[in-house]
Every structure is written in C-alpha cells, then in structure tokens.
Amino acid sequence: MKKYLPKITVYIINRNNAKYLTECLESITKQTYKNLEIIIIDDFSTDGSVDIIKKFKYKNKKVITIYNKRKIGLVKSIIKAIKKATGKYVIRVDSDDYLKSNAINKMYLMFGKSNKTALIFPNFIWVNDKSQIINRFKYKVRNKIIEFSDQPAHGACSLIKKSTLLKIGGYNSKFDRQDGYYIWYLILLKNYEIRHIKDNLFYYRKHENNLSNNRRKILSTRLKILNYFIKSKNVNNRYMFHNRLLTINELKKIKPQI
C-alpha cells in the first residue's frame, strides 16, 4: 500500500526574471516529493517571461498559470496565489531561485504529526547570476524550535501549513516586501511553532535586480512591520522592541540617497 502524501502547493511569483525562470521551474519538476500543485503568477513581465511560462504550461498541463493585467507587486501576488492554492501546505519559490531535488520532501518530513508547527525553513546556498556558488548561509538559531530571539527566515522556500496561515490572518498587503519577516512574527505571536532544518535546501541568487538589494527599503519595511504589531496590535514583546531599536539605528547608518 502506498503511503498517503498530502498535496503541497508550490507557487512562483515572477516579474521580469526570464533569464532564471527555466532553472527555477525545472527544479520544481525534479522534486522527489511528487504530489505537487504548481501555480505560476506572472506580475506583468515585459522581458519574455510569458513565453517561457506558456512553454512550460504546454509541457506540464496541470500547471496553473495566472497573468496579472498590471503590476501589483510581490505581496498582493502572494495573496492571490494562496487563495488559489488547494494544497495542505504551501511554499513560495522566487523565480530567480531554485530548489534542491529533495527540498520539499525534507521539509515535509520535519512537520511530523505536530499540530502546533506552522512553518519549516532550511539553510540555503548563495549563488551568482551564473549559478556559481558564492557561499553557504547558516541561520543563527539555537534549537530546532524557534524563539523570538532567533534570526527570521527568508520569505521564500519556507514550507507553511495553509490552514494555520489562514487561521492567523495570512499575509498583509500593507507591506510590499519582507513578507517572511511579517509572517515570522505573526506565527510566533499566535503561539504556533516555527522549526528550522539545518540542511541547505535551496539556492538563493544574488543579482542586481534582487528585491533584497535595497537595504534602506528592507529596513524601512521592517520598521513599519514592527510598528504595526507594537502600536496597532498593542504587542508588548521585548524582542520586538529591541529589534525596532536596532532597525532604527541601522537606518541611521545608511547614507541618504542623492
């Protein structure tokens, strides 16, 4: 008798990443975990991405494709993907990144039978625009079960239980980036567990068009997220107050753009 494997939705948000998109999509089809639903959302690309997606769809008939009629940004596209997803678990893969073949299976197995676990995240490997390894990234965490004092996970390539995600309120369209930072705090504040797996399970690409390249915008968004929880939600958490102060100080160090 075959062991039951729940459906996992893998969704890709693409915006003008035609150069890397094929490698990303192929890494998903090569997963050892086979019960996958694949959703691709193109956020009004202008670089030939749509042709690549259509060719992929032709070869993989079950793939769900959504083409935004105008650019709506990362977080609103994520919200659209979650609404469409039918999997028990969801995972976003950025269109310029790619997975190791056993990535989804390893994260799924770590969920086990725990009803408290909401998110699993791995370490990753930095690569350049030619897929050459730059470095291996190891998160600063103390135990498998994460605490507020640990380093937040990357927004992409984290496996999330969809029912829990919806129960706690999901993503917030007020913030146009740093979705992982927001969900990280939301999960912990709602007393669910986040677990870390030490394996390097995906390749994170560094190139000039990364959203993560603009440090000022990253820190500004993180500050908005912290203020949202502290002020709007009346959260009294010493680690969040501490991180708020650190973020303010880091912003002060960045030279103003001329």
Protein backbone atom coordinates (compact mmCIF):
# COMPACT_ATOMS: atom_id res chain seq x y z
CA MET A 1 0.00 0.00 0.00
CA LYS A 2 1.33 3.41 -0.98
CA LYS A 3 1.82 5.91 1.80
CA TYR A 4 -0.57 8.89 1.62
CA LEU A 5 1.20 12.13 0.76
CA PRO A 6 -0.80 15.35 1.14
CA LYS A 7 -0.84 17.83 -1.70
CA ILE A 8 1.72 20.62 -1.46
CA THR A 9 1.23 23.81 -3.47
CA VAL A 10 4.38 25.33 -4.91
CA TYR A 11 3.80 28.84 -6.17
CA ILE A 12 6.16 31.03 -8.15
CA ILE A 13 5.83 34.81 -8.38
CA ASN A 14 7.65 36.11 -11.43
CA ARG A 15 8.46 39.64 -12.53
CA ASN A 16 10.98 40.00 -15.38
CA ASN A 17 13.16 37.04 -14.41
CA ALA A 18 13.17 35.31 -17.80
CA LYS A 19 16.92 34.76 -17.50
CA TYR A 20 16.50 32.48 -14.48
CA LEU A 21 12.93 31.24 -14.75
CA THR A 22 13.56 27.94 -16.57
CA GLU A 23 16.08 26.78 -13.96
CA CYS A 24 13.58 27.61 -11.23
CA LEU A 25 10.70 25.73 -12.87
CA GLU A 26 12.80 22.68 -13.74
CA SER A 27 13.95 22.40 -10.10
CA ILE A 28 10.31 22.08 -9.07
CA THR A 29 9.50 19.34 -11.59
CA LYS A 30 12.56 17.39 -10.35
CA GLN A 31 11.34 17.23 -6.75
CA THR A 32 11.35 13.77 -5.16
CA TYR A 33 8.06 14.72 -3.47
CA LYS A 34 5.55 14.14 -6.26
CA ASN A 35 2.11 15.25 -5.02
CA LEU A 36 2.59 18.86 -6.03
CA GLU A 37 0.29 21.58 -7.30
CA ILE A 38 2.23 24.22 -9.24
CA ILE A 39 0.94 27.78 -9.57
CA ILE A 40 2.81 30.42 -11.56
CA ILE A 41 1.84 34.07 -11.27
CA ASP A 42 3.46 36.50 -13.68
CA ASP A 43 3.33 40.07 -12.42
CA PHE A 44 3.04 41.82 -15.81
CA SER A 45 6.53 40.94 -17.09
CA THR A 46 7.95 42.65 -20.18
CA ASP A 47 11.06 40.52 -20.79
CA GLY A 48 9.88 37.32 -22.47
CA SER A 49 8.89 35.55 -19.25
CA VAL A 50 5.37 34.91 -20.51
CA ASP A 51 6.65 32.85 -23.45
CA ILE A 52 8.72 30.69 -21.08
CA ILE A 53 5.71 30.15 -18.81
CA LYS A 54 3.47 29.21 -21.74
CA LYS A 55 6.03 26.66 -22.99
CA PHE A 56 6.27 25.19 -19.50
CA LYS A 57 2.49 25.02 -19.25
CA TYR A 58 2.31 23.24 -22.64
CA LYS A 59 4.65 20.51 -21.34
CA ASN A 60 3.00 20.37 -17.90
CA LYS A 61 -0.75 20.58 -18.47
CA LYS A 62 -1.76 20.62 -14.80
CA VAL A 63 0.22 23.77 -14.01
CA ILE A 64 -1.99 26.72 -13.07
CA THR A 65 -0.92 30.00 -14.67
CA ILE A 66 -2.10 33.49 -13.76
CA TYR A 67 -1.07 36.61 -15.67
CA ASN A 68 -1.59 39.88 -13.82
CA LYS A 69 -3.01 42.53 -16.16
CA ARG A 70 -0.95 45.15 -14.37
CA LYS A 71 1.93 45.07 -11.89
CA ILE A 72 0.53 44.51 -8.39
CA GLY A 73 3.73 43.61 -6.54
CA LEU A 74 5.01 40.66 -4.58
CA VAL A 75 2.72 40.53 -1.55
CA LYS A 76 -0.56 41.05 -3.44
CA SER A 77 0.54 38.32 -5.87
CA ILE A 78 1.29 36.03 -2.91
CA ILE A 79 -2.21 36.64 -1.53
CA LYS A 80 -3.67 35.76 -4.94
CA ALA A 81 -1.65 32.52 -5.04
CA ILE A 82 -2.72 31.46 -1.53
CA LYS A 83 -6.39 31.96 -2.48
CA LYS A 84 -5.90 29.71 -5.50
CA ALA A 85 -3.86 27.03 -3.69
CA THR A 86 -5.55 23.74 -2.78
CA GLY A 87 -2.59 22.07 -1.06
CA LYS A 88 -2.39 21.27 2.65
CA TYR A 89 0.97 23.04 2.66
CA VAL A 90 2.25 25.95 0.56
CA ILE A 91 5.73 27.06 -0.41
CA ARG A 92 6.85 30.01 -2.49
CA VAL A 93 9.85 29.72 -4.78
CA ASP A 94 11.13 33.01 -6.15
CA SER A 95 11.58 32.85 -9.91
CA ASP A 96 15.29 33.64 -9.73
CA ASP A 97 15.98 30.92 -7.13
CA TYR A 98 15.84 27.13 -7.37
CA LEU A 99 15.45 24.09 -5.11
CA LYS A 100 17.49 21.00 -4.39
CA SER A 101 15.60 17.92 -5.58
CA ASN A 102 14.87 16.69 -2.04
CA ALA A 103 13.98 20.10 -0.58
CA ILE A 104 10.21 19.79 -0.29
CA ASN A 105 10.33 16.19 0.94
CA LYS A 106 12.80 17.02 3.71
CA MET A 107 10.76 19.98 4.93
CA TYR A 108 7.52 17.98 4.79
CA LEU A 109 9.00 15.15 6.87
CA MET A 110 10.01 17.63 9.57
CA PHE A 111 6.39 18.63 10.13
CA GLY A 112 5.70 15.17 11.55
CA LYS A 113 2.43 14.90 13.49
CA SER A 114 2.70 18.21 15.34
CA ASN A 115 -0.42 20.39 15.18
CA LYS A 116 1.50 23.35 16.59
CA THR A 117 4.10 23.59 13.82
CA ALA A 118 3.20 26.23 11.25
CA LEU A 119 6.41 26.75 9.26
CA ILE A 120 9.61 24.88 8.36
CA PHE A 121 12.61 26.71 6.92
CA PRO A 122 16.08 25.49 5.83
CA ASN A 123 19.52 26.97 5.36
CA PHE A 124 20.47 27.92 1.80
CA ILE A 125 23.29 28.44 -0.68
CA TRP A 126 24.16 31.81 -2.22
CA VAL A 127 24.74 31.67 -5.99
CA ASN A 128 25.53 34.33 -8.58
CA ASP A 129 23.76 35.06 -11.86
CA LYS A 130 25.61 32.10 -13.46
CA SER A 131 24.50 29.67 -10.71
CA GLN A 132 28.03 29.51 -9.31
CA ILE A 133 28.21 29.04 -5.54
CA ILE A 134 29.25 32.13 -3.58
CA ASN A 135 28.70 30.94 -0.02
CA ARG A 136 26.58 28.76 2.24
CA PHE A 137 24.21 30.57 4.58
CA LYS A 138 23.50 29.21 8.05
CA TYR A 139 20.77 30.83 10.14
CA LYS A 140 21.65 31.92 13.67
CA VAL A 141 19.24 29.76 15.62
CA ARG A 142 19.80 27.85 18.86
CA ASN A 143 17.32 24.99 18.61
CA LYS A 144 15.04 23.29 16.09
CA ILE A 145 12.04 25.07 17.61
CA ILE A 146 12.41 28.81 17.03
CA GLU A 147 12.13 31.64 19.55
CA PHE A 148 11.66 35.40 19.13
CA SER A 149 15.37 35.92 19.68
CA ASP A 150 16.33 33.80 16.65
CA GLN A 151 17.07 35.11 13.16
CA PRO A 152 13.92 35.38 10.97
CA ALA A 153 13.62 33.13 7.92
CA HIS A 154 13.65 34.15 4.29
CA GLY A 155 10.16 34.70 2.87
CA ALA A 156 10.63 32.18 0.07
CA CYS A 157 11.36 28.46 0.27
CA SER A 158 9.70 28.02 3.66
CA LEU A 159 7.02 25.32 3.89
CA ILE A 160 3.86 26.58 5.61
CA LYS A 161 0.72 24.78 6.75
CA LYS A 162 -2.04 26.54 4.83
CA SER A 163 -4.82 26.09 7.39
CA THR A 164 -2.70 27.73 10.08
CA LEU A 165 -1.68 30.53 7.73
CA LEU A 166 -5.33 31.35 7.05
CA LYS A 167 -6.28 30.98 10.71
CA ILE A 168 -3.77 33.60 11.85
CA GLY A 169 -4.79 36.06 9.13
CA GLY A 170 -2.33 35.42 6.30
CA TYR A 171 -0.21 37.99 4.51
CA ASN A 172 -0.76 41.74 4.82
CA SER A 173 -0.96 43.83 1.62
CA LYS A 174 0.04 46.95 3.60
CA PHE A 175 3.64 45.84 3.15
CA ASP A 176 5.06 45.42 -0.35
CA ARG A 177 8.06 43.30 0.70
CA GLN A 178 9.52 41.45 3.71
CA ASP A 179 6.57 39.04 3.72
CA GLY A 180 8.70 36.46 5.53
CA TYR A 181 9.52 38.91 8.33
CA TYR A 182 5.83 39.69 8.82
CA ILE A 183 4.68 36.05 8.82
CA TRP A 184 7.55 35.07 11.15
CA TYR A 185 6.33 37.41 13.88
CA LEU A 186 2.67 36.69 13.22
CA ILE A 187 3.17 32.94 13.71
CA LEU A 188 5.14 33.35 16.93
CA LEU A 189 2.72 35.93 18.35
CA LYS A 190 -0.14 33.48 17.73
CA ASN A 191 1.80 30.82 19.70
CA TYR A 192 2.48 28.45 16.82
CA GLU A 193 5.85 26.79 16.25
CA ILE A 194 8.48 27.52 13.62
CA ARG A 195 11.07 24.81 13.04
CA HIS A 196 14.48 25.01 11.41
CA ILE A 197 16.19 22.33 9.32
CA LYS A 198 19.98 22.61 9.09
CA ASP A 199 20.28 21.34 5.50
CA ASN A 200 20.99 23.77 2.66
CA LEU A 201 17.90 23.07 0.56
CA PHE A 202 17.66 25.92 -1.93
CA TYR A 203 19.82 28.21 -3.99
CA TYR A 204 19.34 31.93 -3.38
CA ARG A 205 20.53 34.03 -6.29
CA LYS A 206 22.33 37.32 -5.80
CA HIS A 207 21.98 39.71 -8.74
CA GLU A 208 21.38 43.39 -9.38
CA ASN A 209 17.59 43.12 -9.62
CA ASN A 210 17.00 41.39 -6.26
CA LEU A 211 14.32 42.99 -4.08
CA SER A 212 16.71 42.31 -1.20
CA ASN A 213 19.39 44.56 -2.68
CA ASN A 214 17.82 47.81 -1.45
CA ARG A 215 18.77 47.78 2.24
CA ARG A 216 17.03 51.07 3.01
CA LYS A 217 13.68 49.77 1.74
CA ILE A 218 14.14 46.48 3.58
CA LEU A 219 14.84 48.18 6.90
CA SER A 220 12.08 50.76 6.38
CA THR A 221 9.55 47.99 5.73
CA ARG A 222 10.77 46.01 8.74
CA LEU A 223 10.32 49.09 10.91
CA LYS A 224 6.77 49.54 9.58
CA ILE A 225 6.01 45.89 10.37
CA LEU A 226 7.35 46.18 13.92
CA ASN A 227 5.42 49.42 14.47
CA TYR A 228 2.29 47.73 13.13
CA PHE A 229 2.49 44.96 15.71
CA ILE A 230 3.63 47.17 18.59
CA LYS A 231 1.29 50.10 18.03
CA SER A 232 -1.69 48.79 16.06
CA LYS A 233 -1.90 45.38 17.73
CA ASN A 234 -0.68 46.52 21.17
CA VAL A 235 2.00 43.82 21.25
CA ASN A 236 4.27 44.02 24.29
CA ASN A 237 7.25 41.87 23.39
CA ARG A 238 10.77 42.82 24.49
CA TYR A 239 12.43 41.21 21.47
CA MET A 240 10.26 43.22 19.09
CA PHE A 241 11.07 46.44 20.95
CA HIS A 242 14.75 45.51 20.84
CA ASN A 243 14.62 44.75 17.09
CA ARG A 244 12.76 48.00 16.49
CA LEU A 245 15.59 49.95 18.15
CA LEU A 246 18.23 48.02 16.17
CA THR A 247 16.37 48.70 12.90
CA ILE A 248 16.14 52.43 13.63
CA ASN A 249 19.88 52.54 14.36
CA GLU A 250 20.70 50.62 11.17
CA LEU A 251 18.60 53.05 9.11
CA LYS A 252 20.52 55.97 10.60
CA LYS A 253 23.78 54.46 9.37
CA ILE A 254 22.65 54.40 5.74
CA LYS A 255 23.65 57.49 3.80
CA PRO A 256 20.72 59.41 2.26
CA GLN A 257 20.26 58.86 -1.48
CA ILE A 258 21.10 61.93 -3.55
